[in-house]
Amino acid sequence: MLSTGGAIAAIGVMAVVTFLTRALPFLLFDRGNTPPKIILYLGRVLPPAIIAMLIVYCLKDISFLQAANWAPQLISVGAVVALHLWLHNNLVSIFGGTVLYMILIQAVF
């Protein structure tokens, strides 16, 4: 357990780091200039890459021995893809897939 001084120091370090991560982009990139090409590239390719990593992580433990082990996950992934292609809204897609998955594992399988 941290002492009071240690807890205050930890909170102070966390506050400074949080502030720097929020302020650093404004300090590095002047409002008049366009961001460097690498930043624009990362902004374009990282979101799909992170989504792909999350999909792999969520589906890594699927067992195809019984339908109850794989059907809810794959049906929910299909629903997320369909919702996203239909509405183009990340939050609706993720929320809809999560709700469907919970319904499937609680009531159907």
N, C-alpha and C. Protein backbone atom coordinates (compact mmCIF):
# COMPACT_ATOMS: atom_id res chain seq x y z
N MET A 1 0.84 -1.17 0.00
CA MET A 1 0.00 0.00 0.00
C MET A 1 0.89 1.24 0.00
N LEU A 2 0.49 2.22 -0.78
CA LEU A 2 1.26 3.45 -0.86
C LEU A 2 1.02 4.33 0.35
N SER A 3 2.07 5.03 0.71
CA SER A 3 1.90 6.04 1.76
C SER A 3 1.18 7.24 1.15
N THR A 4 0.78 8.18 1.99
CA THR A 4 0.09 9.36 1.51
C THR A 4 0.97 10.16 0.56
N GLY A 5 2.24 10.32 0.91
CA GLY A 5 3.17 11.04 0.04
C GLY A 5 3.37 10.33 -1.29
N GLY A 6 3.47 9.00 -1.25
CA GLY A 6 3.63 8.23 -2.48
C GLY A 6 2.41 8.33 -3.37
N ALA A 7 1.23 8.31 -2.75
CA ALA A 7 0.00 8.43 -3.53
C ALA A 7 -0.10 9.80 -4.18
N ILE A 8 0.27 10.84 -3.44
CA ILE A 8 0.23 12.20 -3.98
C ILE A 8 1.24 12.33 -5.12
N ALA A 9 2.42 11.76 -4.95
CA ALA A 9 3.43 11.80 -6.01
C ALA A 9 2.95 11.05 -7.25
N ALA A 10 2.34 9.89 -7.07
CA ALA A 10 1.83 9.12 -8.20
C ALA A 10 0.73 9.88 -8.94
N ILE A 11 -0.17 10.51 -8.20
CA ILE A 11 -1.23 11.30 -8.82
C ILE A 11 -0.63 12.49 -9.56
N GLY A 12 0.38 13.12 -8.99
CA GLY A 12 1.04 14.24 -9.66
C GLY A 12 1.70 13.82 -10.95
N VAL A 13 2.41 12.69 -10.95
CA VAL A 13 3.05 12.19 -12.17
C VAL A 13 2.00 11.87 -13.22
N MET A 14 0.91 11.22 -12.81
CA MET A 14 -0.16 10.89 -13.76
C MET A 14 -0.79 12.16 -14.34
N ALA A 15 -0.95 13.18 -13.52
CA ALA A 15 -1.54 14.43 -14.01
C ALA A 15 -0.62 15.10 -15.02
N VAL A 16 0.67 15.13 -14.74
CA VAL A 16 1.62 15.75 -15.66
C VAL A 16 1.67 14.98 -16.98
N VAL A 17 1.72 13.66 -16.92
CA VAL A 17 1.77 12.85 -18.14
C VAL A 17 0.49 13.04 -18.95
N THR A 18 -0.66 13.05 -18.29
CA THR A 18 -1.93 13.26 -18.99
C THR A 18 -1.96 14.62 -19.65
N PHE A 19 -1.52 15.64 -18.94
CA PHE A 19 -1.49 16.99 -19.50
C PHE A 19 -0.55 17.04 -20.71
N LEU A 20 0.63 16.44 -20.61
CA LEU A 20 1.58 16.47 -21.72
C LEU A 20 1.05 15.75 -22.94
N THR A 21 0.38 14.60 -22.75
CA THR A 21 -0.15 13.90 -23.92
C THR A 21 -1.25 14.69 -24.60
N ARG A 22 -1.95 15.54 -23.86
CA ARG A 22 -2.99 16.38 -24.46
C ARG A 22 -2.39 17.64 -25.09
N ALA A 23 -1.36 18.20 -24.49
CA ALA A 23 -0.81 19.47 -24.95
C ALA A 23 0.27 19.31 -26.02
N LEU A 24 0.96 18.18 -26.04
CA LEU A 24 2.09 18.00 -26.94
C LEU A 24 1.73 18.16 -28.42
N PRO A 25 0.63 17.61 -28.90
CA PRO A 25 0.30 17.83 -30.33
C PRO A 25 0.14 19.31 -30.68
N PHE A 26 -0.43 20.09 -29.77
CA PHE A 26 -0.59 21.51 -30.05
C PHE A 26 0.75 22.24 -30.03
N LEU A 27 1.68 21.75 -29.24
CA LEU A 27 3.00 22.37 -29.20
C LEU A 27 3.84 21.97 -30.41
N LEU A 28 3.68 20.74 -30.88
CA LEU A 28 4.50 20.25 -31.99
C LEU A 28 4.01 20.74 -33.34
N PHE A 29 2.70 20.85 -33.51
CA PHE A 29 2.14 21.20 -34.81
C PHE A 29 1.47 22.55 -34.72
N ASP A 30 2.08 23.51 -35.40
CA ASP A 30 1.51 24.85 -35.44
C ASP A 30 0.20 24.79 -36.21
N ARG A 31 -0.75 25.59 -35.81
CA ARG A 31 -2.08 25.57 -36.44
C ARG A 31 -2.04 25.99 -37.91
N GLY A 32 -1.06 26.76 -38.30
CA GLY A 32 -0.99 27.23 -39.68
C GLY A 32 -0.45 26.19 -40.65
N ASN A 33 0.33 25.26 -40.17
CA ASN A 33 0.96 24.27 -41.05
C ASN A 33 0.16 22.98 -41.05
N THR A 34 0.30 22.24 -42.13
CA THR A 34 -0.31 20.91 -42.15
C THR A 34 0.60 19.96 -41.38
N PRO A 35 0.02 18.91 -40.80
CA PRO A 35 0.86 17.95 -40.06
C PRO A 35 1.80 17.23 -41.01
N PRO A 36 2.89 16.67 -40.47
CA PRO A 36 3.81 15.91 -41.32
C PRO A 36 3.10 14.74 -41.99
N LYS A 37 3.65 14.30 -43.12
CA LYS A 37 3.03 13.22 -43.89
C LYS A 37 2.92 11.93 -43.09
N ILE A 38 3.88 11.66 -42.22
CA ILE A 38 3.84 10.43 -41.43
C ILE A 38 2.64 10.44 -40.47
N ILE A 39 2.33 11.60 -39.92
CA ILE A 39 1.18 11.71 -39.01
C ILE A 39 -0.12 11.49 -39.78
N LEU A 40 -0.22 12.07 -40.97
CA LEU A 40 -1.41 11.87 -41.79
C LEU A 40 -1.55 10.40 -42.19
N TYR A 41 -0.42 9.76 -42.53
CA TYR A 41 -0.43 8.35 -42.88
C TYR A 41 -0.89 7.49 -41.70
N LEU A 42 -0.33 7.75 -40.52
CA LEU A 42 -0.73 6.99 -39.34
C LEU A 42 -2.19 7.20 -39.00
N GLY A 43 -2.68 8.40 -39.17
CA GLY A 43 -4.09 8.67 -38.91
C GLY A 43 -5.01 7.93 -39.85
N ARG A 44 -4.51 7.61 -41.03
CA ARG A 44 -5.31 6.89 -42.02
C ARG A 44 -5.25 5.38 -41.83
N VAL A 45 -4.08 4.83 -41.45
CA VAL A 45 -3.94 3.37 -41.40
C VAL A 45 -4.10 2.77 -40.01
N LEU A 46 -3.90 3.53 -38.96
CA LEU A 46 -3.98 2.94 -37.62
C LEU A 46 -5.39 2.53 -37.19
N PRO A 47 -6.44 3.31 -37.44
CA PRO A 47 -7.76 2.85 -37.00
C PRO A 47 -8.17 1.48 -37.57
N PRO A 48 -8.03 1.21 -38.89
CA PRO A 48 -8.37 -0.15 -39.36
C PRO A 48 -7.44 -1.21 -38.79
N ALA A 49 -6.17 -0.88 -38.58
CA ALA A 49 -5.24 -1.86 -38.02
C ALA A 49 -5.61 -2.21 -36.58
N ILE A 50 -6.03 -1.24 -35.81
CA ILE A 50 -6.43 -1.49 -34.42
C ILE A 50 -7.70 -2.31 -34.38
N ILE A 51 -8.66 -2.02 -35.26
CA ILE A 51 -9.89 -2.80 -35.32
C ILE A 51 -9.56 -4.25 -35.69
N ALA A 52 -8.66 -4.46 -36.65
CA ALA A 52 -8.28 -5.82 -37.04
C ALA A 52 -7.63 -6.56 -35.86
N MET A 53 -6.79 -5.88 -35.10
CA MET A 53 -6.17 -6.52 -33.92
C MET A 53 -7.22 -6.88 -32.88
N LEU A 54 -8.21 -6.03 -32.69
CA LEU A 54 -9.28 -6.33 -31.74
C LEU A 54 -10.10 -7.54 -32.19
N ILE A 55 -10.36 -7.65 -33.48
CA ILE A 55 -11.10 -8.80 -34.00
C ILE A 55 -10.31 -10.08 -33.76
N VAL A 56 -9.04 -10.06 -34.07
CA VAL A 56 -8.20 -11.25 -33.84
C VAL A 56 -8.19 -11.61 -32.36
N TYR A 57 -8.07 -10.62 -31.51
CA TYR A 57 -8.05 -10.88 -30.06
C TYR A 57 -9.37 -11.47 -29.59
N CYS A 58 -10.48 -10.95 -30.08
CA CYS A 58 -11.79 -11.43 -29.65
C CYS A 58 -12.09 -12.84 -30.14
N LEU A 59 -11.55 -13.21 -31.29
CA LEU A 59 -11.87 -14.51 -31.88
C LEU A 59 -10.77 -15.54 -31.71
N LYS A 60 -9.74 -15.24 -30.94
CA LYS A 60 -8.58 -16.14 -30.84
C LYS A 60 -8.88 -17.45 -30.12
N ASP A 61 -9.86 -17.49 -29.24
CA ASP A 61 -10.13 -18.69 -28.45
C ASP A 61 -11.35 -19.47 -28.91
N ILE A 62 -11.78 -19.26 -30.14
CA ILE A 62 -12.97 -19.97 -30.63
C ILE A 62 -12.63 -21.45 -30.80
N SER A 63 -13.53 -22.30 -30.31
CA SER A 63 -13.43 -23.73 -30.50
C SER A 63 -14.59 -24.17 -31.39
N PHE A 64 -14.29 -24.91 -32.45
CA PHE A 64 -15.32 -25.32 -33.39
C PHE A 64 -15.87 -26.72 -33.07
N LEU A 65 -15.69 -27.20 -31.85
CA LEU A 65 -16.18 -28.52 -31.48
C LEU A 65 -17.69 -28.55 -31.30
N GLN A 66 -18.26 -27.48 -30.77
CA GLN A 66 -19.71 -27.38 -30.57
C GLN A 66 -20.17 -26.02 -31.08
N ALA A 67 -21.41 -26.00 -31.61
CA ALA A 67 -21.93 -24.75 -32.16
C ALA A 67 -22.03 -23.66 -31.10
N ALA A 68 -22.31 -24.04 -29.86
CA ALA A 68 -22.44 -23.04 -28.80
C ALA A 68 -21.12 -22.34 -28.52
N ASN A 69 -20.01 -22.93 -28.95
CA ASN A 69 -18.70 -22.32 -28.72
C ASN A 69 -18.34 -21.28 -29.77
N TRP A 70 -18.87 -21.40 -30.97
CA TRP A 70 -18.47 -20.49 -32.05
C TRP A 70 -19.61 -19.69 -32.65
N ALA A 71 -20.81 -20.18 -32.59
CA ALA A 71 -21.92 -19.50 -33.26
C ALA A 71 -22.19 -18.08 -32.74
N PRO A 72 -22.25 -17.87 -31.42
CA PRO A 72 -22.53 -16.50 -30.96
C PRO A 72 -21.48 -15.49 -31.43
N GLN A 73 -20.21 -15.87 -31.39
CA GLN A 73 -19.16 -14.95 -31.81
C GLN A 73 -19.25 -14.61 -33.29
N LEU A 74 -19.41 -15.64 -34.13
CA LEU A 74 -19.43 -15.39 -35.56
C LEU A 74 -20.70 -14.68 -36.01
N ILE A 75 -21.84 -15.00 -35.39
CA ILE A 75 -23.08 -14.29 -35.70
C ILE A 75 -22.94 -12.82 -35.32
N SER A 76 -22.35 -12.55 -34.17
CA SER A 76 -22.17 -11.16 -33.72
C SER A 76 -21.20 -10.40 -34.61
N VAL A 77 -20.14 -11.05 -35.03
CA VAL A 77 -19.19 -10.40 -35.95
C VAL A 77 -19.90 -10.07 -37.25
N GLY A 78 -20.70 -11.00 -37.75
CA GLY A 78 -21.46 -10.73 -38.97
C GLY A 78 -22.42 -9.56 -38.79
N ALA A 79 -23.05 -9.48 -37.63
CA ALA A 79 -23.96 -8.36 -37.36
C ALA A 79 -23.20 -7.03 -37.30
N VAL A 80 -22.02 -7.04 -36.71
CA VAL A 80 -21.21 -5.81 -36.65
C VAL A 80 -20.84 -5.37 -38.05
N VAL A 81 -20.42 -6.30 -38.89
CA VAL A 81 -20.05 -5.96 -40.27
C VAL A 81 -21.27 -5.41 -41.02
N ALA A 82 -22.41 -6.10 -40.88
CA ALA A 82 -23.62 -5.65 -41.58
C ALA A 82 -24.06 -4.27 -41.11
N LEU A 83 -24.05 -4.05 -39.79
CA LEU A 83 -24.43 -2.74 -39.27
C LEU A 83 -23.49 -1.64 -39.75
N HIS A 84 -22.20 -1.95 -39.79
CA HIS A 84 -21.25 -0.93 -40.20
C HIS A 84 -21.38 -0.61 -41.69
N LEU A 85 -21.59 -1.64 -42.51
CA LEU A 85 -21.78 -1.39 -43.94
C LEU A 85 -23.07 -0.63 -44.21
N TRP A 86 -24.08 -0.86 -43.36
CA TRP A 86 -25.37 -0.20 -43.55
C TRP A 86 -25.36 1.24 -43.04
N LEU A 87 -24.88 1.44 -41.79
CA LEU A 87 -25.00 2.75 -41.14
C LEU A 87 -23.71 3.57 -41.12
N HIS A 88 -22.57 2.94 -41.32
CA HIS A 88 -21.26 3.61 -41.27
C HIS A 88 -21.06 4.35 -39.94
N ASN A 89 -21.45 3.71 -38.85
CA ASN A 89 -21.33 4.31 -37.53
C ASN A 89 -20.66 3.29 -36.61
N ASN A 90 -19.44 3.61 -36.16
CA ASN A 90 -18.69 2.68 -35.32
C ASN A 90 -19.40 2.35 -34.02
N LEU A 91 -19.94 3.36 -33.36
CA LEU A 91 -20.58 3.12 -32.06
C LEU A 91 -21.81 2.23 -32.18
N VAL A 92 -22.64 2.48 -33.19
CA VAL A 92 -23.82 1.65 -33.38
C VAL A 92 -23.41 0.22 -33.72
N SER A 93 -22.40 0.06 -34.55
CA SER A 93 -21.94 -1.27 -34.94
C SER A 93 -21.44 -2.05 -33.73
N ILE A 94 -20.58 -1.43 -32.94
CA ILE A 94 -20.00 -2.11 -31.78
C ILE A 94 -21.07 -2.39 -30.74
N PHE A 95 -21.91 -1.41 -30.46
CA PHE A 95 -22.97 -1.60 -29.46
C PHE A 95 -23.96 -2.66 -29.90
N GLY A 96 -24.37 -2.62 -31.17
CA GLY A 96 -25.31 -3.62 -31.68
C GLY A 96 -24.75 -5.02 -31.62
N GLY A 97 -23.49 -5.18 -32.01
CA GLY A 97 -22.86 -6.50 -31.94
C GLY A 97 -22.71 -7.00 -30.52
N THR A 98 -22.40 -6.11 -29.61
CA THR A 98 -22.26 -6.50 -28.20
C THR A 98 -23.59 -6.92 -27.61
N VAL A 99 -24.64 -6.16 -27.89
CA VAL A 99 -25.97 -6.51 -27.39
C VAL A 99 -26.43 -7.84 -27.97
N LEU A 100 -26.23 -8.03 -29.27
CA LEU A 100 -26.61 -9.30 -29.89
C LEU A 100 -25.83 -10.46 -29.28
N TYR A 101 -24.54 -10.30 -29.07
CA TYR A 101 -23.73 -11.36 -28.47
C TYR A 101 -24.24 -11.70 -27.07
N MET A 102 -24.54 -10.70 -26.27
CA MET A 102 -25.03 -10.97 -24.91
C MET A 102 -26.38 -11.68 -24.96
N ILE A 103 -27.25 -11.30 -25.87
CA ILE A 103 -28.54 -11.99 -26.00
C ILE A 103 -28.32 -13.44 -26.43
N LEU A 104 -27.42 -13.65 -27.37
CA LEU A 104 -27.18 -15.00 -27.85
C LEU A 104 -26.61 -15.91 -26.77
N ILE A 105 -25.64 -15.42 -26.00
CA ILE A 105 -25.04 -16.31 -24.98
C ILE A 105 -25.93 -16.47 -23.76
N GLN A 106 -26.81 -15.49 -23.49
CA GLN A 106 -27.67 -15.58 -22.30
C GLN A 106 -28.97 -16.33 -22.58
N ALA A 107 -29.54 -16.16 -23.77
CA ALA A 107 -30.89 -16.69 -24.00
C ALA A 107 -30.94 -17.80 -25.05
N VAL A 108 -30.02 -17.81 -26.00
CA VAL A 108 -30.15 -18.76 -27.11
C VAL A 108 -29.23 -19.97 -26.92
N PHE A 109 -27.95 -19.73 -26.70
CA PHE A 109 -26.99 -20.85 -26.62
C PHE A 109 -26.70 -21.22 -25.19
